[in-house]
Amino acid sequence: MPATLSYFAPQSPQQVLAFYRAQFSDAQFSQSKDQQILEDPARHWVLVISNDGQGSQVDILVKQ
């Protein structure tokens, strides 16, 4: 079942990215404008990290 979860973190986008890359070392990384994107190799989820001025906005998109 598809779902979306968004939250704000006080850490910088680089710190949030480092945390998630440590948790999901097999995730594929890409960057688009000011967004850093991690995607599950099986394409079940996508994690998008954006700068929100005070920290980071994290959007988790679950596809399956």
PDB file of N, CA and C in Angstrom:
ATOM      1  N   MET A   1       0.837  -1.166   0.000  1.00  0.00           N
ATOM      2  CA  MET A   1       0.000   0.000   0.000  1.00  0.00           C
ATOM      3  C   MET A   1       0.896   1.248   0.000  1.00  0.00           C
ATOM      4  N   PRO A   2       0.765   2.139  -0.961  1.00  0.00           N
ATOM      5  CA  PRO A   2       1.565   3.363  -1.015  1.00  0.00           C
ATOM      6  C   PRO A   2       1.275   4.276   0.179  1.00  0.00           C
ATOM      7  N   ALA A   3       2.302   4.984   0.616  1.00  0.00           N
ATOM      8  CA  ALA A   3       2.157   5.915   1.735  1.00  0.00           C
ATOM      9  C   ALA A   3       3.243   6.979   1.648  1.00  0.00           C
ATOM     10  N   THR A   4       3.005   8.106   2.313  1.00  0.00           N
ATOM     11  CA  THR A   4       3.982   9.188   2.389  1.00  0.00           C
ATOM     12  C   THR A   4       4.097   9.637   3.834  1.00  0.00           C
ATOM     13  N   LEU A   5       5.322   9.850   4.280  1.00  0.00           N
ATOM     14  CA  LEU A   5       5.589  10.367   5.614  1.00  0.00           C
ATOM     15  C   LEU A   5       6.564  11.513   5.461  1.00  0.00           C
ATOM     16  N   SER A   6       6.247  12.655   6.049  1.00  0.00           N
ATOM     17  CA  SER A   6       7.146  13.811   6.024  1.00  0.00           C
ATOM     18  C   SER A   6       7.424  14.247   7.452  1.00  0.00           C
ATOM     19  N   TYR A   7       8.669  14.636   7.710  1.00  0.00           N
ATOM     20  CA  TYR A   7       9.000  15.189   9.021  1.00  0.00           C
ATOM     21  C   TYR A   7      10.151  16.175   8.882  1.00  0.00           C
ATOM     22  N   PHE A   8      10.336  16.970   9.912  1.00  0.00           N
ATOM     23  CA  PHE A   8      11.400  17.956   9.945  1.00  0.00           C
ATOM     24  C   PHE A   8      12.427  17.550  10.991  1.00  0.00           C
ATOM     25  N   ALA A   9      13.704  17.696  10.640  1.00  0.00           N
ATOM     26  CA  ALA A   9      14.802  17.365  11.546  1.00  0.00           C
ATOM     27  C   ALA A   9      15.666  18.614  11.736  1.00  0.00           C
ATOM     28  N   PRO A  10      16.177  18.842  12.936  1.00  0.00           N
ATOM     29  CA  PRO A  10      17.020  20.017  13.169  1.00  0.00           C
ATOM     30  C   PRO A  10      18.415  19.886  12.554  1.00  0.00           C
ATOM     31  N   GLN A  11      18.812  18.684  12.154  1.00  0.00           N
ATOM     32  CA  GLN A  11      20.123  18.462  11.564  1.00  0.00           C
ATOM     33  C   GLN A  11      20.156  18.958  10.114  1.00  0.00           C
ATOM     34  N   SER A  12      21.367  19.209   9.643  1.00  0.00           N
ATOM     35  CA  SER A  12      21.548  19.648   8.250  1.00  0.00           C
ATOM     36  C   SER A  12      21.218  18.490   7.302  1.00  0.00           C
ATOM     37  N   PRO A  13      20.924  18.807   6.041  1.00  0.00           N
ATOM     38  CA  PRO A  13      20.677  17.735   5.075  1.00  0.00           C
ATOM     39  C   PRO A  13      21.849  16.752   4.970  1.00  0.00           C
ATOM     40  N   GLN A  14      23.073  17.241   5.088  1.00  0.00           N
ATOM     41  CA  GLN A  14      24.229  16.363   5.011  1.00  0.00           C
ATOM     42  C   GLN A  14      24.266  15.386   6.191  1.00  0.00           C
ATOM     43  N   GLN A  15      23.897  15.866   7.381  1.00  0.00           N
ATOM     44  CA  GLN A  15      23.872  14.994   8.552  1.00  0.00           C
ATOM     45  C   GLN A  15      22.764  13.953   8.443  1.00  0.00           C
ATOM     46  N   VAL A  16      21.599  14.371   7.957  1.00  0.00           N
ATOM     47  CA  VAL A  16      20.487  13.435   7.785  1.00  0.00           C
ATOM     48  C   VAL A  16      20.841  12.396   6.735  1.00  0.00           C
ATOM     49  N   LEU A  17      21.452  12.833   5.644  1.00  0.00           N
ATOM     50  CA  LEU A  17      21.864  11.906   4.594  1.00  0.00           C
ATOM     51  C   LEU A  17      22.869  10.893   5.147  1.00  0.00           C
ATOM     52  N   ALA A  18      23.835  11.342   5.914  1.00  0.00           N
ATOM     53  CA  ALA A  18      24.833  10.433   6.488  1.00  0.00           C
ATOM     54  C   ALA A  18      24.165   9.392   7.390  1.00  0.00           C
ATOM     55  N   PHE A  19      23.183   9.816   8.183  1.00  0.00           N
ATOM     56  CA  PHE A  19      22.458   8.879   9.050  1.00  0.00           C
ATOM     57  C   PHE A  19      21.769   7.795   8.220  1.00  0.00           C
ATOM     58  N   TYR A  20      21.010   8.207   7.209  1.00  0.00           N
ATOM     59  CA  TYR A  20      20.261   7.232   6.418  1.00  0.00           C
ATOM     60  C   TYR A  20      21.165   6.363   5.549  1.00  0.00           C
ATOM     61  N   ARG A  21      22.271   6.911   5.079  1.00  0.00           N
ATOM     62  CA  ARG A  21      23.198   6.084   4.287  1.00  0.00           C
ATOM     63  C   ARG A  21      23.836   5.015   5.159  1.00  0.00           C
ATOM     64  N   ALA A  22      24.059   5.333   6.441  1.00  0.00           N
ATOM     65  CA  ALA A  22      24.593   4.325   7.365  1.00  0.00           C
ATOM     66  C   ALA A  22      23.565   3.237   7.638  1.00  0.00           C
ATOM     67  N   GLN A  23      22.284   3.603   7.684  1.00  0.00           N
ATOM     68  CA  GLN A  23      21.215   2.635   7.946  1.00  0.00           C
ATOM     69  C   GLN A  23      20.913   1.770   6.722  1.00  0.00           C
ATOM     70  N   PHE A  24      20.979   2.376   5.544  1.00  0.00           N
ATOM     71  CA  PHE A  24      20.612   1.702   4.293  1.00  0.00           C
ATOM     72  C   PHE A  24      21.773   1.802   3.311  1.00  0.00           C
ATOM     73  N   SER A  25      22.843   1.083   3.589  1.00  0.00           N
ATOM     74  CA  SER A  25      24.068   1.207   2.791  1.00  0.00           C
ATOM     75  C   SER A  25      23.897   0.741   1.349  1.00  0.00           C
ATOM     76  N   ASP A  26      22.875  -0.054   1.076  1.00  0.00           N
ATOM     77  CA  ASP A  26      22.672  -0.523  -0.294  1.00  0.00           C
ATOM     78  C   ASP A  26      21.760   0.395  -1.106  1.00  0.00           C
ATOM     79  N   ALA A  27      21.257   1.458  -0.494  1.00  0.00           N
ATOM     80  CA  ALA A  27      20.363   2.383  -1.194  1.00  0.00           C
ATOM     81  C   ALA A  27      21.126   3.152  -2.271  1.00  0.00           C
ATOM     82  N   GLN A  28      20.437   3.441  -3.354  1.00  0.00           N
ATOM     83  CA  GLN A  28      21.021   4.197  -4.461  1.00  0.00           C
ATOM     84  C   GLN A  28      20.865   5.687  -4.177  1.00  0.00           C
ATOM     85  N   PHE A  29      21.937   6.449  -4.380  1.00  0.00           N
ATOM     86  CA  PHE A  29      21.945   7.884  -4.098  1.00  0.00           C
ATOM     87  C   PHE A  29      21.906   8.677  -5.391  1.00  0.00           C
ATOM     88  N   SER A  30      21.115   9.743  -5.384  1.00  0.00           N
ATOM     89  CA  SER A  30      21.139  10.705  -6.480  1.00  0.00           C
ATOM     90  C   SER A  30      20.839  12.078  -5.899  1.00  0.00           C
ATOM     91  N   GLN A  31      21.097  13.102  -6.690  1.00  0.00           N
ATOM     92  CA  GLN A  31      20.850  14.464  -6.246  1.00  0.00           C
ATOM     93  C   GLN A  31      20.129  15.211  -7.352  1.00  0.00           C
ATOM     94  N   SER A  32      19.134  16.006  -6.958  1.00  0.00           N
ATOM     95  CA  SER A  32      18.353  16.782  -7.908  1.00  0.00           C
ATOM     96  C   SER A  32      18.147  18.164  -7.316  1.00  0.00           C
ATOM     97  N   LYS A  33      18.731  19.167  -7.942  1.00  0.00           N
ATOM     98  CA  LYS A  33      18.689  20.540  -7.419  1.00  0.00           C
ATOM     99  C   LYS A  33      19.153  20.529  -5.974  1.00  0.00           C
ATOM    100  N   ASP A  34      18.277  20.935  -5.040  1.00  0.00           N
ATOM    101  CA  ASP A  34      18.645  21.006  -3.627  1.00  0.00           C
ATOM    102  C   ASP A  34      18.162  19.793  -2.840  1.00  0.00           C
ATOM    103  N   GLN A  35      17.824  18.732  -3.530  1.00  0.00           N
ATOM    104  CA  GLN A  35      17.325  17.532  -2.866  1.00  0.00           C
ATOM    105  C   GLN A  35      18.328  16.393  -2.995  1.00  0.00           C
ATOM    106  N   GLN A  36      18.460  15.653  -1.914  1.00  0.00           N
ATOM    107  CA  GLN A  36      19.290  14.461  -1.914  1.00  0.00           C
ATOM    108  C   GLN A  36      18.337  13.272  -1.795  1.00  0.00           C
ATOM    109  N   ILE A  37      18.536  12.292  -2.645  1.00  0.00           N
ATOM    110  CA  ILE A  37      17.551  11.217  -2.780  1.00  0.00           C
ATOM    111  C   ILE A  37      18.218   9.865  -2.572  1.00  0.00           C
ATOM    112  N   LEU A  38      17.592   9.049  -1.730  1.00  0.00           N
ATOM    113  CA  LEU A  38      17.996   7.659  -1.555  1.00  0.00           C
ATOM    114  C   LEU A  38      16.838   6.791  -2.009  1.00  0.00           C
ATOM    115  N   GLU A  39      17.156   5.736  -2.752  1.00  0.00           N
ATOM    116  CA  GLU A  39      16.097   4.845  -3.227  1.00  0.00           C
ATOM    117  C   GLU A  39      16.483   3.402  -2.961  1.00  0.00           C
ATOM    118  N   ASP A  40      15.527   2.661  -2.466  1.00  0.00           N
ATOM    119  CA  ASP A  40      15.687   1.233  -2.237  1.00  0.00           C
ATOM    120  C   ASP A  40      16.003   0.545  -3.565  1.00  0.00           C
ATOM    121  N   PRO A  41      17.016  -0.341  -3.607  1.00  0.00           N
ATOM    122  CA  PRO A  41      17.332  -1.032  -4.863  1.00  0.00           C
ATOM    123  C   PRO A  41      16.139  -1.800  -5.440  1.00  0.00           C
ATOM    124  N   ALA A  42      15.244  -2.270  -4.584  1.00  0.00           N
ATOM    125  CA  ALA A  42      14.053  -2.995  -5.057  1.00  0.00           C
ATOM    126  C   ALA A  42      12.925  -2.034  -5.431  1.00  0.00           C
ATOM    127  N   ARG A  43      13.178  -0.736  -5.277  1.00  0.00           N
ATOM    128  CA  ARG A  43      12.227   0.321  -5.626  1.00  0.00           C
ATOM    129  C   ARG A  43      10.940   0.293  -4.787  1.00  0.00           C
ATOM    130  N   HIS A  44      11.073  -0.131  -3.532  1.00  0.00           N
ATOM    131  CA  HIS A  44       9.910  -0.140  -2.636  1.00  0.00           C
ATOM    132  C   HIS A  44       9.707   1.199  -1.935  1.00  0.00           C
ATOM    133  N   TRP A  45      10.784   1.989  -1.804  1.00  0.00           N
ATOM    134  CA  TRP A  45      10.670   3.285  -1.137  1.00  0.00           C
ATOM    135  C   TRP A  45      11.695   4.270  -1.692  1.00  0.00           C
ATOM    136  N   VAL A  46      11.384   5.542  -1.486  1.00  0.00           N
ATOM    137  CA  VAL A  46      12.281   6.647  -1.850  1.00  0.00           C
ATOM    138  C   VAL A  46      12.322   7.597  -0.663  1.00  0.00           C
ATOM    139  N   LEU A  47      13.503   8.076  -0.335  1.00  0.00           N
ATOM    140  CA  LEU A  47      13.678   9.024   0.752  1.00  0.00           C
ATOM    141  C   LEU A  47      14.255  10.304   0.143  1.00  0.00           C
ATOM    142  N   VAL A  48      13.587  11.433   0.357  1.00  0.00           N
ATOM    143  CA  VAL A  48      14.015  12.713  -0.217  1.00  0.00           C
ATOM    144  C   VAL A  48      14.346  13.664   0.931  1.00  0.00           C
ATOM    145  N   ILE A  49      15.552  14.205   0.918  1.00  0.00           N
ATOM    146  CA  ILE A  49      16.016  15.125   1.964  1.00  0.00           C
ATOM    147  C   ILE A  49      16.202  16.496   1.343  1.00  0.00           C
ATOM    148  N   SER A  50      15.564  17.503   1.953  1.00  0.00           N
ATOM    149  CA  SER A  50      15.643  18.880   1.443  1.00  0.00           C
ATOM    150  C   SER A  50      16.006  19.825   2.581  1.00  0.00           C
ATOM    151  N   ASN A  51      16.699  20.903   2.241  1.00  0.00           N
ATOM    152  CA  ASN A  51      16.998  21.950   3.217  1.00  0.00           C
ATOM    153  C   ASN A  51      15.719  22.738   3.480  1.00  0.00           C
ATOM    154  N   ASP A  52      15.393  22.974   4.751  1.00  0.00           N
ATOM    155  CA  ASP A  52      14.199  23.775   5.044  1.00  0.00           C
ATOM    156  C   ASP A  52      14.545  25.098   5.714  1.00  0.00           C
ATOM    157  N   GLY A  53      15.827  25.457   5.734  1.00  0.00           N
ATOM    158  CA  GLY A  53      16.247  26.727   6.323  1.00  0.00           C
ATOM    159  C   GLY A  53      16.644  26.602   7.779  1.00  0.00           C
ATOM    160  N   GLN A  54      15.950  25.776   8.536  1.00  0.00           N
ATOM    161  CA  GLN A  54      16.245  25.570   9.950  1.00  0.00           C
ATOM    162  C   GLN A  54      16.820  24.178  10.200  1.00  0.00           C
ATOM    163  N   GLY A  55      16.936  23.377   9.183  1.00  0.00           N
ATOM    164  CA  GLY A  55      17.395  21.997   9.298  1.00  0.00           C
ATOM    165  C   GLY A  55      17.057  21.282   8.009  1.00  0.00           C
ATOM    166  N   SER A  56      16.299  20.197   8.120  1.00  0.00           N
ATOM    167  CA  SER A  56      15.974  19.394   6.937  1.00  0.00           C
ATOM    168  C   SER A  56      14.521  18.950   6.949  1.00  0.00           C
ATOM    169  N   GLN A  57      13.959  18.849   5.766  1.00  0.00           N
ATOM    170  CA  GLN A  57      12.678  18.190   5.595  1.00  0.00           C
ATOM    171  C   GLN A  57      12.984  16.831   4.992  1.00  0.00           C
ATOM    172  N   VAL A  58      12.372  15.799   5.562  1.00  0.00           N
ATOM    173  CA  VAL A  58      12.577  14.442   5.091  1.00  0.00           C
ATOM    174  C   VAL A  58      11.226  13.903   4.632  1.00  0.00           C
ATOM    175  N   ASP A  59      11.166  13.464   3.386  1.00  0.00           N
ATOM    176  CA  ASP A  59       9.961  12.861   2.830  1.00  0.00           C
ATOM    177  C   ASP A  59      10.268  11.407   2.515  1.00  0.00           C
ATOM    178  N   ILE A  60       9.469  10.505   3.062  1.00  0.00           N
ATOM    179  CA  ILE A  60       9.628   9.080   2.801  1.00  0.00           C
ATOM    180  C   ILE A  60       8.424   8.631   1.998  1.00  0.00           C
ATOM    181  N   LEU A  61       8.673   8.138   0.809  1.00  0.00           N
ATOM    182  CA  LEU A  61       7.611   7.697  -0.091  1.00  0.00           C
ATOM    183  C   LEU A  61       7.678   6.181  -0.197  1.00  0.00           C
ATOM    184  N   VAL A  62       6.654   5.510   0.284  1.00  0.00           N
ATOM    185  CA  VAL A  62       6.596   4.055   0.238  1.00  0.00           C
ATOM    186  C   VAL A  62       5.758   3.663  -0.970  1.00  0.00           C
ATOM    187  N   LYS A  63       6.353   2.894  -1.862  1.00  0.00           N
ATOM    188  CA  LYS A  63       5.658   2.516  -3.100  1.00  0.00           C
ATOM    189  C   LYS A  63       4.925   1.194  -2.955  1.00  0.00           C
ATOM    190  N   GLN A  64       5.459   0.296  -2.141  1.00  0.00           N
ATOM    191  CA  GLN A  64       4.833  -1.021  -1.951  1.00  0.00           C
ATOM    192  C   GLN A  64       4.831  -1.392  -0.498  1.00  0.00           C
TER     193      GLN A  64
END
